[in-house]
Structure formats: C-alpha cells, structure tokens
Amino acid sequence: MSIIDDLIENLVERNTIRLNGAFTITLVNGGVSLKGNVFSTLHDRKKNKDVLNLNAPVAAEVRIADIVIPLPQIK
C-alpha cells in the first residue's frame, strides 16, 4: 500500500467523529448572531478508545447590507 492509502485508512476508515452541542440563533439589526458550544470526540474504532475530546465555543455574526429595491414612478 502507498503512504496515501495508509493515511486515508488511519484517518477516515478507522475513526469516527461524534458531534454534540447547542446553539442560540438571534436576529440582530441587519443580520443573524450564532452563539453556543460544540462538543466533539474522535474515536479510534480499531483500538476502541477516544483519541481526542474537543469543547469549542462558537460565536459568529453575519450582517447583510441594506437592500435597495427601485420602485417605478407613479404618474
């Protein structure tokens, strides 16, 4: 097997990822705000043990510029 095959086997085929978390989505002036936490676990199926536990906070805000809709003249 090549190095690439070994890498894919070890990272993708042998491991599973579990995601869990909670988010709060809030409408703000001109956009959306997202806050919460993501809990992730990387589990090695061959050795049957957790390799990595991750608790990551998430904070994002998306804003949209003003939308201008031209109206026809009324005569």
N, C-alpha and C. Protein backbone atom coordinates (compact mmCIF):
# COMPACT_ATOMS: atom_id res chain seq x y z
N MET A 1 0.83 -1.19 0.00
CA MET A 1 0.00 0.00 0.00
C MET A 1 0.88 1.25 0.00
N SER A 2 0.33 2.28 -0.54
CA SER A 2 1.07 3.54 -0.57
C SER A 2 0.86 4.31 0.72
N ILE A 3 1.62 5.36 0.89
CA ILE A 3 1.51 6.22 2.07
C ILE A 3 0.13 6.87 2.13
N ILE A 4 -0.39 7.27 0.96
CA ILE A 4 -1.71 7.91 0.89
C ILE A 4 -2.80 6.94 1.35
N ASP A 5 -2.73 5.70 0.90
CA ASP A 5 -3.71 4.69 1.30
C ASP A 5 -3.68 4.46 2.82
N ASP A 6 -2.47 4.38 3.37
CA ASP A 6 -2.34 4.20 4.82
C ASP A 6 -2.92 5.39 5.58
N LEU A 7 -2.67 6.59 5.09
CA LEU A 7 -3.17 7.80 5.74
C LEU A 7 -4.71 7.83 5.71
N ILE A 8 -5.28 7.52 4.56
CA ILE A 8 -6.74 7.51 4.44
C ILE A 8 -7.34 6.42 5.34
N GLU A 9 -6.73 5.27 5.36
CA GLU A 9 -7.23 4.19 6.21
C GLU A 9 -7.19 4.57 7.68
N ASN A 10 -6.09 5.16 8.12
CA ASN A 10 -5.94 5.51 9.53
C ASN A 10 -6.84 6.68 9.94
N LEU A 11 -7.02 7.65 9.08
CA LEU A 11 -7.80 8.83 9.45
C LEU A 11 -9.29 8.69 9.20
N VAL A 12 -9.66 8.08 8.09
CA VAL A 12 -11.07 8.07 7.69
C VAL A 12 -11.76 6.76 8.03
N GLU A 13 -11.19 5.66 7.60
CA GLU A 13 -11.86 4.38 7.74
C GLU A 13 -11.83 3.84 9.16
N ARG A 14 -10.84 4.22 9.95
CA ARG A 14 -10.66 3.66 11.27
C ARG A 14 -11.29 4.49 12.37
N ASN A 15 -11.56 5.75 12.12
CA ASN A 15 -12.04 6.67 13.14
C ASN A 15 -13.48 7.10 12.90
N THR A 16 -14.15 7.45 13.99
CA THR A 16 -15.47 8.05 13.90
C THR A 16 -15.45 9.36 14.68
N ILE A 17 -16.31 10.27 14.28
CA ILE A 17 -16.42 11.56 14.95
C ILE A 17 -17.84 11.70 15.48
N ARG A 18 -17.95 12.04 16.75
CA ARG A 18 -19.25 12.31 17.36
C ARG A 18 -19.32 13.81 17.64
N LEU A 19 -20.40 14.43 17.19
CA LEU A 19 -20.63 15.86 17.42
C LEU A 19 -21.88 16.04 18.27
N ASN A 20 -21.79 16.97 19.19
CA ASN A 20 -22.91 17.29 20.05
C ASN A 20 -22.77 18.75 20.43
N GLY A 21 -23.88 19.41 20.68
CA GLY A 21 -23.77 20.80 21.09
C GLY A 21 -25.11 21.50 21.05
N ALA A 22 -25.06 22.77 21.40
CA ALA A 22 -26.27 23.59 21.40
C ALA A 22 -25.92 24.97 20.87
N PHE A 23 -26.84 25.54 20.10
CA PHE A 23 -26.63 26.86 19.51
C PHE A 23 -27.82 27.76 19.82
N THR A 24 -27.54 29.03 19.91
CA THR A 24 -28.58 30.03 20.03
C THR A 24 -28.47 30.94 18.81
N ILE A 25 -29.56 31.04 18.06
CA ILE A 25 -29.58 31.91 16.88
C ILE A 25 -30.45 33.11 17.22
N THR A 26 -29.88 34.30 17.07
CA THR A 26 -30.57 35.53 17.42
C THR A 26 -30.59 36.46 16.22
N LEU A 27 -31.73 37.06 15.97
CA LEU A 27 -31.82 38.08 14.94
C LEU A 27 -31.29 39.40 15.51
N VAL A 28 -30.33 40.00 14.83
CA VAL A 28 -29.79 41.29 15.24
C VAL A 28 -30.03 42.29 14.12
N ASN A 29 -29.79 43.55 14.41
CA ASN A 29 -30.02 44.59 13.42
C ASN A 29 -29.18 44.33 12.17
N GLY A 30 -29.83 43.94 11.09
CA GLY A 30 -29.14 43.72 9.82
C GLY A 30 -28.55 42.34 9.63
N GLY A 31 -28.86 41.37 10.49
CA GLY A 31 -28.28 40.05 10.29
C GLY A 31 -28.68 39.04 11.33
N VAL A 32 -27.79 38.07 11.56
CA VAL A 32 -28.03 36.95 12.47
C VAL A 32 -26.80 36.74 13.33
N SER A 33 -27.02 36.41 14.61
CA SER A 33 -25.93 36.10 15.54
C SER A 33 -26.07 34.64 15.97
N LEU A 34 -24.96 33.91 16.03
CA LEU A 34 -24.94 32.50 16.40
C LEU A 34 -23.94 32.33 17.54
N LYS A 35 -24.41 31.76 18.66
CA LYS A 35 -23.54 31.51 19.81
C LYS A 35 -23.85 30.13 20.37
N GLY A 36 -22.82 29.46 20.91
CA GLY A 36 -23.04 28.15 21.50
C GLY A 36 -21.74 27.40 21.72
N ASN A 37 -21.85 26.09 21.92
CA ASN A 37 -20.70 25.22 22.13
C ASN A 37 -20.84 23.97 21.28
N VAL A 38 -19.70 23.46 20.81
CA VAL A 38 -19.65 22.20 20.08
C VAL A 38 -18.76 21.25 20.87
N PHE A 39 -19.28 20.07 21.16
CA PHE A 39 -18.51 19.03 21.82
C PHE A 39 -18.24 17.94 20.78
N SER A 40 -16.97 17.62 20.57
CA SER A 40 -16.60 16.65 19.54
C SER A 40 -15.65 15.61 20.14
N THR A 41 -15.84 14.37 19.70
CA THR A 41 -14.96 13.28 20.13
C THR A 41 -14.51 12.49 18.91
N LEU A 42 -13.20 12.29 18.78
CA LEU A 42 -12.62 11.45 17.73
C LEU A 42 -12.34 10.09 18.36
N HIS A 43 -12.97 9.05 17.84
CA HIS A 43 -12.90 7.70 18.42
C HIS A 43 -12.20 6.75 17.45
N ASP A 44 -11.18 6.06 17.94
CA ASP A 44 -10.46 5.05 17.15
C ASP A 44 -11.18 3.72 17.32
N ARG A 45 -11.81 3.24 16.23
CA ARG A 45 -12.60 2.00 16.30
C ARG A 45 -11.73 0.76 16.47
N LYS A 46 -10.53 0.78 15.91
CA LYS A 46 -9.67 -0.41 15.99
C LYS A 46 -9.17 -0.63 17.42
N LYS A 47 -8.74 0.45 18.09
CA LYS A 47 -8.26 0.35 19.47
C LYS A 47 -9.38 0.52 20.49
N ASN A 48 -10.57 0.90 20.00
CA ASN A 48 -11.76 1.11 20.82
C ASN A 48 -11.50 2.09 21.97
N LYS A 49 -10.92 3.26 21.61
CA LYS A 49 -10.72 4.29 22.63
C LYS A 49 -10.82 5.67 21.98
N ASP A 50 -11.13 6.65 22.80
CA ASP A 50 -11.21 8.03 22.33
C ASP A 50 -9.81 8.60 22.16
N VAL A 51 -9.57 9.23 21.02
CA VAL A 51 -8.27 9.81 20.71
C VAL A 51 -8.23 11.29 21.07
N LEU A 52 -9.36 11.98 20.84
CA LEU A 52 -9.39 13.43 21.03
C LEU A 52 -10.78 13.84 21.52
N ASN A 53 -10.81 14.65 22.56
CA ASN A 53 -12.05 15.28 23.03
C ASN A 53 -11.88 16.78 22.87
N LEU A 54 -12.89 17.42 22.29
CA LEU A 54 -12.79 18.85 21.98
C LEU A 54 -14.06 19.55 22.42
N ASN A 55 -13.91 20.65 23.14
CA ASN A 55 -15.01 21.51 23.53
C ASN A 55 -14.69 22.89 22.97
N ALA A 56 -15.41 23.29 21.93
CA ALA A 56 -15.10 24.55 21.25
C ALA A 56 -16.28 25.51 21.32
N PRO A 57 -16.03 26.72 21.81
CA PRO A 57 -17.10 27.73 21.77
C PRO A 57 -17.27 28.27 20.36
N VAL A 58 -18.50 28.60 20.01
CA VAL A 58 -18.80 29.15 18.69
C VAL A 58 -19.47 30.51 18.88
N ALA A 59 -18.94 31.52 18.20
CA ALA A 59 -19.54 32.85 18.22
C ALA A 59 -19.36 33.44 16.83
N ALA A 60 -20.47 33.68 16.15
CA ALA A 60 -20.42 34.22 14.80
C ALA A 60 -21.56 35.22 14.61
N GLU A 61 -21.29 36.21 13.78
CA GLU A 61 -22.32 37.19 13.46
C GLU A 61 -22.24 37.50 11.98
N VAL A 62 -23.38 37.40 11.32
CA VAL A 62 -23.46 37.66 9.89
C VAL A 62 -24.38 38.86 9.69
N ARG A 63 -23.89 39.82 8.95
CA ARG A 63 -24.69 41.01 8.65
C ARG A 63 -24.85 41.15 7.15
N ILE A 64 -26.02 41.64 6.77
CA ILE A 64 -26.33 41.84 5.35
C ILE A 64 -26.50 43.33 5.12
N ALA A 65 -25.90 43.81 4.04
CA ALA A 65 -26.01 45.24 3.72
C ALA A 65 -27.45 45.59 3.36
N ASP A 66 -27.75 46.87 3.37
CA ASP A 66 -29.09 47.33 3.00
C ASP A 66 -29.41 46.91 1.58
N ILE A 67 -30.64 46.49 1.40
CA ILE A 67 -31.11 46.10 0.06
C ILE A 67 -31.99 47.23 -0.46
N VAL A 68 -31.64 47.73 -1.64
CA VAL A 68 -32.40 48.82 -2.25
C VAL A 68 -33.21 48.24 -3.39
N ILE A 69 -34.52 48.44 -3.32
CA ILE A 69 -35.42 47.97 -4.39
C ILE A 69 -35.97 49.20 -5.10
N PRO A 70 -35.57 49.41 -6.33
CA PRO A 70 -36.10 50.59 -7.06
C PRO A 70 -37.58 50.42 -7.39
N LEU A 71 -38.34 51.45 -7.16
CA LEU A 71 -39.77 51.42 -7.48
C LEU A 71 -40.03 52.27 -8.72
N PRO A 72 -40.96 51.85 -9.56
CA PRO A 72 -41.27 52.66 -10.76
C PRO A 72 -41.98 53.95 -10.34
N GLN A 73 -41.86 54.96 -11.18
CA GLN A 73 -42.53 56.23 -10.91
C GLN A 73 -44.02 56.06 -11.09
N ILE A 74 -44.78 56.66 -10.20
CA ILE A 74 -46.23 56.62 -10.29
C ILE A 74 -46.68 57.98 -10.81
N LYS A 75 -47.39 57.97 -11.95
CA LYS A 75 -47.84 59.25 -12.56
C LYS A 75 -49.32 59.38 -12.51
